Amino acid sequence: MKDSKFNLDGRIWIETAGEKILGHGRVELLERIKESGSIRQAALQMKMSYKQAWDLINHMNTHFTSPIVISHRGGKGGGNAVVTDYGLNVISQFHSFQAKLKTFLAENSNEINL
């Protein structure tokens, strides 16, 4: 019989009414928007279409209690996108929950008896 060591692993996501509204991918998108100031640039960096990125942002904006991202259309000076203070708080809380989950999993991995 092979002696195997098992570890627990997991990811967190936030749902409302059975719909996923926040997870690792969406947090990464928000962080890239924050860094670049652009939904288009964030989408390109993540190898997704602008439409897909916009649909995710729109979904988050309509399901959270306040907007997560505010965008301004292009024009002579070009457009931009800003992650709101509320959105920054959402990102921070997500990372906090993920850290707590990792701590829990690490503390309980030694209890696996398979």
C-alpha atoms as a PDB file:
ATOM      1  CA  MET A   1       0.000   0.000   0.000  1.00  0.00           C
ATOM      2  CA  LYS A   2       1.268   3.427  -0.964  1.00  0.00           C
ATOM      3  CA  ASP A   3       1.740   5.889   1.908  1.00  0.00           C
ATOM      4  CA  SER A   4       0.154   9.121   0.682  1.00  0.00           C
ATOM      5  CA  LYS A   5      -0.087  12.460   2.396  1.00  0.00           C
ATOM      6  CA  PHE A   6      -3.256  14.344   1.597  1.00  0.00           C
ATOM      7  CA  ASN A   7      -3.798  18.075   1.874  1.00  0.00           C
ATOM      8  CA  LEU A   8      -6.974  20.098   1.910  1.00  0.00           C
ATOM      9  CA  ASP A   9      -7.391  22.822  -0.675  1.00  0.00           C
ATOM     10  CA  GLY A  10     -10.185  25.119  -1.677  1.00  0.00           C
ATOM     11  CA  ARG A  11     -11.312  28.410  -3.086  1.00  0.00           C
ATOM     12  CA  ILE A  12     -13.843  30.903  -1.944  1.00  0.00           C
ATOM     13  CA  TRP A  13     -16.510  32.636  -3.978  1.00  0.00           C
ATOM     14  CA  ILE A  14     -19.420  34.835  -3.023  1.00  0.00           C
ATOM     15  CA  GLU A  15     -22.947  34.114  -4.185  1.00  0.00           C
ATOM     16  CA  THR A  16     -26.309  35.787  -3.952  1.00  0.00           C
ATOM     17  CA  ALA A  17     -29.567  34.030  -4.791  1.00  0.00           C
ATOM     18  CA  GLY A  18     -27.537  31.071  -6.072  1.00  0.00           C
ATOM     19  CA  GLU A  19     -25.536  33.214  -8.508  1.00  0.00           C
ATOM     20  CA  LYS A  20     -21.779  33.575  -8.255  1.00  0.00           C
ATOM     21  CA  ILE A  21     -20.933  37.271  -8.067  1.00  0.00           C
ATOM     22  CA  LEU A  22     -17.311  37.205  -6.910  1.00  0.00           C
ATOM     23  CA  GLY A  23     -14.440  34.748  -7.114  1.00  0.00           C
ATOM     24  CA  HIS A  24     -10.733  34.625  -7.945  1.00  0.00           C
ATOM     25  CA  GLY A  25     -11.132  35.494 -11.618  1.00  0.00           C
ATOM     26  CA  ARG A  26     -13.370  38.478 -10.983  1.00  0.00           C
ATOM     27  CA  VAL A  27     -11.080  39.760  -8.236  1.00  0.00           C
ATOM     28  CA  GLU A  28      -8.132  39.469 -10.628  1.00  0.00           C
ATOM     29  CA  LEU A  29     -10.105  41.418 -13.239  1.00  0.00           C
ATOM     30  CA  LEU A  30     -10.870  44.156 -10.701  1.00  0.00           C
ATOM     31  CA  GLU A  31      -7.233  44.336  -9.615  1.00  0.00           C
ATOM     32  CA  ARG A  32      -6.079  44.635 -13.224  1.00  0.00           C
ATOM     33  CA  ILE A  33      -8.630  47.392 -13.862  1.00  0.00           C
ATOM     34  CA  LYS A  34      -7.346  49.181 -10.770  1.00  0.00           C
ATOM     35  CA  GLU A  35      -3.748  48.931 -12.037  1.00  0.00           C
ATOM     36  CA  SER A  36      -4.393  49.847 -15.670  1.00  0.00           C
ATOM     37  CA  GLY A  37      -7.406  52.156 -15.382  1.00  0.00           C
ATOM     38  CA  SER A  38      -8.867  50.291 -18.347  1.00  0.00           C
ATOM     39  CA  ILE A  39     -11.388  47.479 -18.765  1.00  0.00           C
ATOM     40  CA  ARG A  40      -9.972  46.796 -22.231  1.00  0.00           C
ATOM     41  CA  GLN A  41      -6.396  46.478 -20.966  1.00  0.00           C
ATOM     42  CA  ALA A  42      -7.475  44.280 -18.052  1.00  0.00           C
ATOM     43  CA  ALA A  43      -9.407  42.027 -20.441  1.00  0.00           C
ATOM     44  CA  LEU A  44      -6.433  41.749 -22.804  1.00  0.00           C
ATOM     45  CA  GLN A  45      -4.106  40.880 -19.914  1.00  0.00           C
ATOM     46  CA  MET A  46      -6.486  38.095 -18.873  1.00  0.00           C
ATOM     47  CA  LYS A  47      -6.967  36.890 -22.462  1.00  0.00           C
ATOM     48  CA  MET A  48     -10.709  37.522 -22.430  1.00  0.00           C
ATOM     49  CA  SER A  49     -12.886  39.617 -24.670  1.00  0.00           C
ATOM     50  CA  TYR A  50     -13.870  43.139 -23.704  1.00  0.00           C
ATOM     51  CA  LYS A  51     -17.512  42.023 -23.832  1.00  0.00           C
ATOM     52  CA  GLN A  52     -16.879  39.195 -21.380  1.00  0.00           C
ATOM     53  CA  ALA A  53     -15.072  41.563 -19.006  1.00  0.00           C
ATOM     54  CA  TRP A  54     -17.827  44.159 -19.301  1.00  0.00           C
ATOM     55  CA  ASP A  55     -20.520  41.516 -18.692  1.00  0.00           C
ATOM     56  CA  LEU A  56     -18.729  40.389 -15.498  1.00  0.00           C
ATOM     57  CA  ILE A  57     -18.407  43.977 -14.283  1.00  0.00           C
ATOM     58  CA  ASN A  58     -22.022  44.754 -15.093  1.00  0.00           C
ATOM     59  CA  HIS A  59     -23.121  41.605 -13.231  1.00  0.00           C
ATOM     60  CA  MET A  60     -21.118  42.624 -10.151  1.00  0.00           C
ATOM     61  CA  ASN A  61     -22.325  46.229 -10.329  1.00  0.00           C
ATOM     62  CA  THR A  62     -25.961  45.141 -10.377  1.00  0.00           C
ATOM     63  CA  HIS A  63     -25.680  42.493  -7.637  1.00  0.00           C
ATOM     64  CA  PHE A  64     -23.640  44.345  -5.017  1.00  0.00           C
ATOM     65  CA  THR A  65     -25.210  47.168  -3.018  1.00  0.00           C
ATOM     66  CA  SER A  66     -22.993  49.786  -4.699  1.00  0.00           C
ATOM     67  CA  PRO A  67     -21.086  49.908  -7.979  1.00  0.00           C
ATOM     68  CA  ILE A  68     -17.742  48.093  -8.027  1.00  0.00           C
ATOM     69  CA  VAL A  69     -16.391  49.742 -11.188  1.00  0.00           C
ATOM     70  CA  ILE A  70     -17.292  53.051 -12.795  1.00  0.00           C
ATOM     71  CA  SER A  71     -16.296  53.536 -16.402  1.00  0.00           C
ATOM     72  CA  HIS A  72     -16.179  56.610 -18.591  1.00  0.00           C
ATOM     73  CA  ARG A  73     -16.520  56.244 -22.330  1.00  0.00           C
ATOM     74  CA  GLY A  74     -13.676  57.117 -24.617  1.00  0.00           C
ATOM     75  CA  GLY A  75     -13.488  60.218 -26.656  1.00  0.00           C
ATOM     76  CA  LYS A  76     -10.827  62.733 -27.473  1.00  0.00           C
ATOM     77  CA  GLY A  77      -8.891  61.978 -24.274  1.00  0.00           C
ATOM     78  CA  GLY A  78      -9.831  58.288 -24.166  1.00  0.00           C
ATOM     79  CA  GLY A  79     -11.957  56.495 -21.626  1.00  0.00           C
ATOM     80  CA  ASN A  80     -11.065  55.044 -18.285  1.00  0.00           C
ATOM     81  CA  ALA A  81     -12.376  52.783 -15.563  1.00  0.00           C
ATOM     82  CA  VAL A  82     -12.062  53.153 -11.818  1.00  0.00           C
ATOM     83  CA  VAL A  83     -12.561  50.574  -9.103  1.00  0.00           C
ATOM     84  CA  THR A  84     -14.668  52.376  -6.510  1.00  0.00           C
ATOM     85  CA  ASP A  85     -13.832  52.588  -2.810  1.00  0.00           C
ATOM     86  CA  TYR A  86     -16.629  50.073  -2.279  1.00  0.00           C
ATOM     87  CA  GLY A  87     -14.995  47.814  -4.876  1.00  0.00           C
ATOM     88  CA  LEU A  88     -11.617  48.120  -3.140  1.00  0.00           C
ATOM     89  CA  ASN A  89     -13.299  47.094   0.115  1.00  0.00           C
ATOM     90  CA  VAL A  90     -14.884  44.077  -1.612  1.00  0.00           C
ATOM     91  CA  ILE A  91     -11.442  43.028  -2.938  1.00  0.00           C
ATOM     92  CA  SER A  92      -9.895  43.428   0.514  1.00  0.00           C
ATOM     93  CA  GLN A  93     -12.626  41.397   2.218  1.00  0.00           C
ATOM     94  CA  PHE A  94     -12.322  38.660  -0.415  1.00  0.00           C
ATOM     95  CA  HIS A  95      -8.573  38.366   0.234  1.00  0.00           C
ATOM     96  CA  SER A  96      -9.244  38.291   3.978  1.00  0.00           C
ATOM     97  CA  PHE A  97     -11.753  35.446   3.601  1.00  0.00           C
ATOM     98  CA  GLN A  98      -9.338  33.549   1.342  1.00  0.00           C
ATOM     99  CA  ALA A  99      -6.518  33.919   3.905  1.00  0.00           C
ATOM    100  CA  LYS A 100      -8.804  32.629   6.676  1.00  0.00           C
ATOM    101  CA  LEU A 101      -9.782  29.656   4.511  1.00  0.00           C
ATOM    102  CA  LYS A 102      -6.119  28.819   3.785  1.00  0.00           C
ATOM    103  CA  THR A 103      -5.320  28.988   7.505  1.00  0.00           C
ATOM    104  CA  PHE A 104      -8.259  26.717   8.306  1.00  0.00           C
ATOM    105  CA  LEU A 105      -7.243  24.217   5.625  1.00  0.00           C
ATOM    106  CA  ALA A 106      -3.607  24.182   6.753  1.00  0.00           C
ATOM    107  CA  GLU A 107      -4.603  23.670  10.387  1.00  0.00           C
ATOM    108  CA  ASN A 108      -6.920  20.788   9.512  1.00  0.00           C
ATOM    109  CA  SER A 109      -4.950  18.939   6.798  1.00  0.00           C
ATOM    110  CA  ASN A 110      -3.367  16.648   9.379  1.00  0.00           C
ATOM    111  CA  GLU A 111      -6.819  15.307  10.272  1.00  0.00           C
ATOM    112  CA  ILE A 112      -7.276  13.563   6.910  1.00  0.00           C
ATOM    113  CA  ASN A 113      -7.331   9.793   7.422  1.00  0.00           C
ATOM    114  CA  LEU A 114      -7.936   8.279   3.986  1.00  0.00           C
END
